[in-house]
N, C-alpha and C. Protein backbone atom coordinates (compact mmCIF):
# COMPACT_ATOMS: atom_id res chain seq x y z
N MET A 1 19.64 14.83 -70.39
CA MET A 1 19.91 13.47 -70.84
C MET A 1 18.76 13.04 -71.76
N ASN A 2 19.11 12.44 -72.88
CA ASN A 2 18.07 12.01 -73.81
C ASN A 2 17.66 10.56 -73.54
N PHE A 3 16.67 10.12 -74.29
CA PHE A 3 16.09 8.79 -74.09
C PHE A 3 17.13 7.68 -74.24
N GLU A 4 17.99 7.79 -75.26
CA GLU A 4 19.01 6.77 -75.49
C GLU A 4 20.01 6.70 -74.33
N ASP A 5 20.37 7.86 -73.80
CA ASP A 5 21.27 7.89 -72.65
C ASP A 5 20.62 7.25 -71.43
N ASP A 6 19.32 7.50 -71.25
CA ASP A 6 18.58 6.88 -70.14
C ASP A 6 18.59 5.36 -70.26
N ILE A 7 18.37 4.87 -71.46
CA ILE A 7 18.37 3.42 -71.69
C ILE A 7 19.74 2.83 -71.41
N LEU A 8 20.78 3.49 -71.88
CA LEU A 8 22.14 3.01 -71.62
C LEU A 8 22.47 3.02 -70.13
N GLN A 9 22.05 4.07 -69.45
CA GLN A 9 22.30 4.16 -68.01
C GLN A 9 21.53 3.07 -67.26
N ASP A 10 20.27 2.82 -67.65
CA ASP A 10 19.49 1.75 -67.02
C ASP A 10 20.13 0.39 -67.26
N ALA A 11 20.60 0.16 -68.48
CA ALA A 11 21.23 -1.13 -68.81
C ALA A 11 22.51 -1.32 -67.99
N GLN A 12 23.27 -0.24 -67.82
CA GLN A 12 24.49 -0.33 -67.03
C GLN A 12 24.16 -0.61 -65.56
N GLU A 13 23.15 0.05 -65.04
CA GLU A 13 22.73 -0.18 -63.65
C GLU A 13 22.27 -1.63 -63.47
N ASP A 14 21.49 -2.13 -64.44
CA ASP A 14 21.04 -3.53 -64.38
C ASP A 14 22.23 -4.48 -64.36
N ALA A 15 23.24 -4.20 -65.16
CA ALA A 15 24.43 -5.05 -65.19
C ALA A 15 25.15 -5.04 -63.84
N PHE A 16 25.21 -3.88 -63.20
CA PHE A 16 25.82 -3.79 -61.87
C PHE A 16 25.02 -4.61 -60.86
N ILE A 17 23.71 -4.54 -60.94
CA ILE A 17 22.85 -5.30 -60.02
C ILE A 17 23.06 -6.80 -60.22
N ILE A 18 23.08 -7.23 -61.49
CA ILE A 18 23.30 -8.65 -61.79
C ILE A 18 24.65 -9.10 -61.24
N SER A 19 25.67 -8.30 -61.44
CA SER A 19 26.99 -8.64 -60.93
C SER A 19 26.97 -8.76 -59.41
N HIS A 20 26.30 -7.83 -58.76
CA HIS A 20 26.19 -7.87 -57.29
C HIS A 20 25.47 -9.15 -56.84
N VAL A 21 24.36 -9.47 -57.52
CA VAL A 21 23.59 -10.67 -57.16
C VAL A 21 24.46 -11.91 -57.33
N GLN A 22 25.14 -12.01 -58.46
CA GLN A 22 25.99 -13.18 -58.72
C GLN A 22 27.06 -13.34 -57.65
N SER A 23 27.66 -12.24 -57.23
CA SER A 23 28.73 -12.34 -56.24
C SER A 23 28.19 -12.56 -54.82
N SER A 24 26.91 -12.27 -54.60
CA SER A 24 26.30 -12.44 -53.28
C SER A 24 25.77 -13.85 -53.04
N LEU A 25 25.51 -14.57 -54.10
CA LEU A 25 24.91 -15.90 -53.97
C LEU A 25 25.95 -16.95 -53.61
N PRO A 26 25.51 -17.96 -52.86
CA PRO A 26 26.40 -19.12 -52.67
C PRO A 26 26.73 -19.72 -54.04
N PRO A 27 27.95 -20.19 -54.24
CA PRO A 27 28.36 -20.71 -55.56
C PRO A 27 27.40 -21.75 -56.14
N GLU A 28 26.87 -22.64 -55.30
CA GLU A 28 25.99 -23.68 -55.84
C GLU A 28 24.67 -23.10 -56.35
N VAL A 29 24.24 -22.00 -55.79
CA VAL A 29 23.02 -21.34 -56.28
C VAL A 29 23.35 -20.56 -57.55
N ALA A 30 24.45 -19.83 -57.54
CA ALA A 30 24.86 -19.04 -58.71
C ALA A 30 25.01 -19.92 -59.95
N GLU A 31 25.50 -21.14 -59.76
CA GLU A 31 25.69 -22.06 -60.88
C GLU A 31 24.38 -22.44 -61.56
N ARG A 32 23.30 -22.42 -60.82
CA ARG A 32 22.00 -22.84 -61.35
C ARG A 32 21.29 -21.75 -62.16
N PHE A 33 21.82 -20.53 -62.14
CA PHE A 33 21.15 -19.41 -62.79
C PHE A 33 22.07 -18.72 -63.78
N SER A 34 21.66 -18.75 -65.04
CA SER A 34 22.41 -18.01 -66.06
C SER A 34 22.14 -16.52 -65.87
N GLU A 35 22.91 -15.70 -66.55
CA GLU A 35 22.68 -14.26 -66.49
C GLU A 35 21.27 -13.93 -67.00
N GLU A 36 20.85 -14.62 -68.06
CA GLU A 36 19.49 -14.42 -68.60
C GLU A 36 18.44 -14.78 -67.56
N ASP A 37 18.65 -15.88 -66.84
CA ASP A 37 17.72 -16.26 -65.77
C ASP A 37 17.64 -15.18 -64.70
N LEU A 38 18.79 -14.64 -64.32
CA LEU A 38 18.81 -13.61 -63.28
C LEU A 38 18.08 -12.35 -63.73
N TYR A 39 18.29 -11.94 -64.98
CA TYR A 39 17.55 -10.78 -65.49
C TYR A 39 16.05 -11.03 -65.41
N TYR A 40 15.63 -12.23 -65.80
CA TYR A 40 14.21 -12.57 -65.76
C TYR A 40 13.69 -12.53 -64.32
N VAL A 41 14.38 -13.18 -63.41
CA VAL A 41 13.96 -13.23 -62.01
C VAL A 41 13.85 -11.82 -61.43
N LEU A 42 14.84 -10.99 -61.69
CA LEU A 42 14.82 -9.63 -61.13
C LEU A 42 13.71 -8.79 -61.75
N ASP A 43 13.45 -8.98 -63.04
CA ASP A 43 12.35 -8.25 -63.67
C ASP A 43 11.00 -8.65 -63.08
N VAL A 44 10.81 -9.94 -62.89
CA VAL A 44 9.54 -10.41 -62.32
C VAL A 44 9.42 -10.00 -60.85
N ALA A 45 10.53 -10.00 -60.13
CA ALA A 45 10.50 -9.53 -58.74
C ALA A 45 10.09 -8.06 -58.69
N GLU A 46 10.60 -7.25 -59.61
CA GLU A 46 10.20 -5.83 -59.69
C GLU A 46 8.70 -5.72 -59.97
N GLU A 47 8.20 -6.59 -60.83
CA GLU A 47 6.76 -6.62 -61.10
C GLU A 47 5.99 -6.93 -59.82
N TYR A 48 6.48 -7.88 -59.04
CA TYR A 48 5.84 -8.21 -57.77
C TYR A 48 5.83 -7.00 -56.84
N PHE A 49 6.98 -6.32 -56.73
CA PHE A 49 7.06 -5.16 -55.85
C PHE A 49 6.04 -4.10 -56.25
N THR A 50 5.87 -3.90 -57.55
CA THR A 50 4.91 -2.91 -58.05
C THR A 50 3.47 -3.35 -57.75
N GLU A 51 3.15 -4.59 -58.10
CA GLU A 51 1.78 -5.07 -57.93
C GLU A 51 1.38 -5.24 -56.46
N SER A 52 2.33 -5.55 -55.60
CA SER A 52 2.01 -5.80 -54.19
C SER A 52 1.91 -4.51 -53.38
N GLY A 53 2.35 -3.40 -53.96
CA GLY A 53 2.30 -2.13 -53.25
C GLY A 53 3.52 -1.86 -52.40
N VAL A 54 4.52 -2.72 -52.45
CA VAL A 54 5.72 -2.56 -51.64
C VAL A 54 6.40 -1.23 -51.96
N LEU A 55 6.39 -0.83 -53.22
CA LEU A 55 7.08 0.40 -53.61
C LEU A 55 6.43 1.66 -53.04
N GLU A 56 5.14 1.58 -52.71
CA GLU A 56 4.44 2.73 -52.16
C GLU A 56 4.27 2.64 -50.64
N ALA A 57 4.77 1.57 -50.05
CA ALA A 57 4.58 1.35 -48.62
C ALA A 57 5.34 2.37 -47.79
N GLU A 58 4.76 2.71 -46.66
CA GLU A 58 5.41 3.61 -45.70
C GLU A 58 6.46 2.81 -44.91
N GLY A 59 7.61 3.39 -44.73
CA GLY A 59 8.65 2.76 -43.93
C GLY A 59 8.38 2.92 -42.45
N ASP A 60 9.06 2.11 -41.65
CA ASP A 60 8.95 2.25 -40.20
C ASP A 60 9.73 3.49 -39.77
N GLU A 61 9.91 3.67 -38.47
CA GLU A 61 10.58 4.88 -37.99
C GLU A 61 12.03 4.99 -38.49
N GLU A 62 12.62 3.88 -38.89
CA GLU A 62 13.97 3.90 -39.44
C GLU A 62 13.97 3.93 -40.97
N GLY A 63 12.77 3.94 -41.56
CA GLY A 63 12.65 4.01 -43.01
C GLY A 63 12.61 2.66 -43.70
N PHE A 64 12.59 1.57 -42.93
CA PHE A 64 12.58 0.24 -43.53
C PHE A 64 11.17 -0.21 -43.87
N VAL A 65 11.04 -0.89 -45.00
CA VAL A 65 9.77 -1.47 -45.44
C VAL A 65 9.92 -2.98 -45.37
N GLU A 66 8.97 -3.62 -44.71
CA GLU A 66 8.99 -5.09 -44.59
C GLU A 66 8.60 -5.70 -45.94
N ILE A 67 9.44 -6.59 -46.44
CA ILE A 67 9.18 -7.28 -47.71
C ILE A 67 9.11 -8.77 -47.43
N ASP A 68 8.03 -9.37 -47.87
CA ASP A 68 7.82 -10.80 -47.70
C ASP A 68 8.57 -11.53 -48.81
N LEU A 69 9.78 -11.97 -48.52
CA LEU A 69 10.60 -12.65 -49.53
C LEU A 69 9.96 -13.94 -50.03
N GLU A 70 9.29 -14.64 -49.13
CA GLU A 70 8.64 -15.88 -49.53
C GLU A 70 7.53 -15.61 -50.54
N ALA A 71 6.72 -14.58 -50.30
CA ALA A 71 5.66 -14.23 -51.24
C ALA A 71 6.24 -13.79 -52.58
N ALA A 72 7.31 -13.01 -52.53
CA ALA A 72 7.96 -12.56 -53.77
C ALA A 72 8.50 -13.76 -54.54
N ALA A 73 9.15 -14.68 -53.85
CA ALA A 73 9.70 -15.87 -54.49
C ALA A 73 8.60 -16.74 -55.08
N ASN A 74 7.50 -16.89 -54.36
CA ASN A 74 6.38 -17.68 -54.88
C ASN A 74 5.79 -17.05 -56.14
N PHE A 75 5.69 -15.72 -56.16
CA PHE A 75 5.19 -14.99 -57.33
C PHE A 75 6.10 -15.25 -58.53
N VAL A 76 7.41 -15.11 -58.32
CA VAL A 76 8.37 -15.32 -59.41
C VAL A 76 8.32 -16.77 -59.89
N ALA A 77 8.27 -17.71 -58.96
CA ALA A 77 8.24 -19.13 -59.33
C ALA A 77 7.00 -19.47 -60.16
N ALA A 78 5.85 -18.97 -59.74
CA ALA A 78 4.61 -19.25 -60.47
C ALA A 78 4.65 -18.64 -61.87
N LYS A 79 5.13 -17.43 -61.97
CA LYS A 79 5.18 -16.76 -63.28
C LYS A 79 6.19 -17.45 -64.20
N ALA A 80 7.33 -17.85 -63.66
CA ALA A 80 8.35 -18.54 -64.47
C ALA A 80 7.83 -19.87 -64.98
N LYS A 81 7.10 -20.58 -64.14
CA LYS A 81 6.55 -21.87 -64.55
C LYS A 81 5.52 -21.66 -65.66
N LYS A 82 4.68 -20.65 -65.51
CA LYS A 82 3.64 -20.37 -66.50
C LYS A 82 4.22 -19.83 -67.81
N GLU A 83 5.12 -18.87 -67.72
CA GLU A 83 5.63 -18.20 -68.92
C GLU A 83 6.77 -18.95 -69.61
N ARG A 84 7.62 -19.58 -68.83
CA ARG A 84 8.82 -20.18 -69.41
C ARG A 84 8.91 -21.68 -69.23
N GLY A 85 7.97 -22.26 -68.48
CA GLY A 85 8.00 -23.69 -68.24
C GLY A 85 9.19 -24.12 -67.38
N ILE A 86 9.69 -23.18 -66.57
CA ILE A 86 10.85 -23.45 -65.73
C ILE A 86 10.40 -23.50 -64.27
N LYS A 87 10.87 -24.51 -63.56
CA LYS A 87 10.56 -24.62 -62.14
C LYS A 87 11.79 -24.22 -61.34
N TYR A 88 11.69 -23.05 -60.70
CA TYR A 88 12.77 -22.58 -59.84
C TYR A 88 12.47 -22.96 -58.40
N ASP A 89 13.52 -23.25 -57.65
CA ASP A 89 13.40 -23.50 -56.22
C ASP A 89 13.16 -22.16 -55.53
N THR A 90 12.11 -22.07 -54.72
CA THR A 90 11.78 -20.79 -54.09
C THR A 90 12.85 -20.35 -53.09
N ALA A 91 13.57 -21.28 -52.49
CA ALA A 91 14.66 -20.90 -51.58
C ALA A 91 15.76 -20.17 -52.35
N ASP A 92 16.06 -20.65 -53.56
CA ASP A 92 17.04 -19.97 -54.41
C ASP A 92 16.54 -18.58 -54.79
N LEU A 93 15.26 -18.50 -55.14
CA LEU A 93 14.68 -17.21 -55.53
C LEU A 93 14.73 -16.21 -54.37
N GLU A 94 14.48 -16.69 -53.17
CA GLU A 94 14.55 -15.79 -52.01
C GLU A 94 15.96 -15.21 -51.86
N LEU A 95 16.97 -16.04 -52.07
CA LEU A 95 18.36 -15.56 -51.98
C LEU A 95 18.65 -14.52 -53.06
N ILE A 96 18.15 -14.76 -54.26
CA ILE A 96 18.37 -13.83 -55.37
C ILE A 96 17.67 -12.50 -55.10
N ILE A 97 16.43 -12.56 -54.65
CA ILE A 97 15.67 -11.34 -54.37
C ILE A 97 16.30 -10.57 -53.22
N GLU A 98 16.73 -11.29 -52.21
CA GLU A 98 17.40 -10.64 -51.07
C GLU A 98 18.68 -9.94 -51.53
N ALA A 99 19.44 -10.59 -52.42
CA ALA A 99 20.66 -9.98 -52.96
C ALA A 99 20.32 -8.75 -53.80
N GLN A 100 19.24 -8.84 -54.57
CA GLN A 100 18.79 -7.70 -55.36
C GLN A 100 18.48 -6.52 -54.45
N LEU A 101 17.77 -6.78 -53.38
CA LEU A 101 17.38 -5.72 -52.46
C LEU A 101 18.58 -5.13 -51.72
N SER A 102 19.64 -5.92 -51.56
CA SER A 102 20.80 -5.43 -50.84
C SER A 102 21.73 -4.59 -51.71
N TYR A 103 21.46 -4.56 -53.02
CA TYR A 103 22.29 -3.74 -53.91
C TYR A 103 22.17 -2.29 -53.47
N GLY A 104 23.26 -1.63 -53.38
CA GLY A 104 23.27 -0.25 -52.95
C GLY A 104 23.58 -0.10 -51.47
N GLU A 105 23.42 -1.18 -50.71
CA GLU A 105 23.75 -1.14 -49.27
C GLU A 105 25.22 -1.40 -49.04
N GLN A 106 25.90 -2.04 -50.03
CA GLN A 106 27.33 -2.31 -49.87
C GLN A 106 28.09 -1.00 -49.99
N GLU A 107 29.14 -0.86 -49.27
CA GLU A 107 30.05 0.28 -49.28
C GLU A 107 30.77 0.34 -47.99
């Protein structure tokens, strides 16, 4: 697979994740976030996972890694306020991040 194919595959996967998040959110929360907002939130949440060490964390005996949704939401909210001048409700962000993390568990 070449670089362009990788980019297309990543973009398609991102679109599936966004669709999953949108369908997982309560309608009143989904209404408050455009697709562009969701891409931003998920990108910043990924940044949090990388910087916090969550991606390298050892799982428990069942393979689960504890993720502090509140800390992740606070990170995203602070960065969005600083970079975009947007104030997101952290409770909404927690729901979005939780939906992001649940992608792949459906089936």
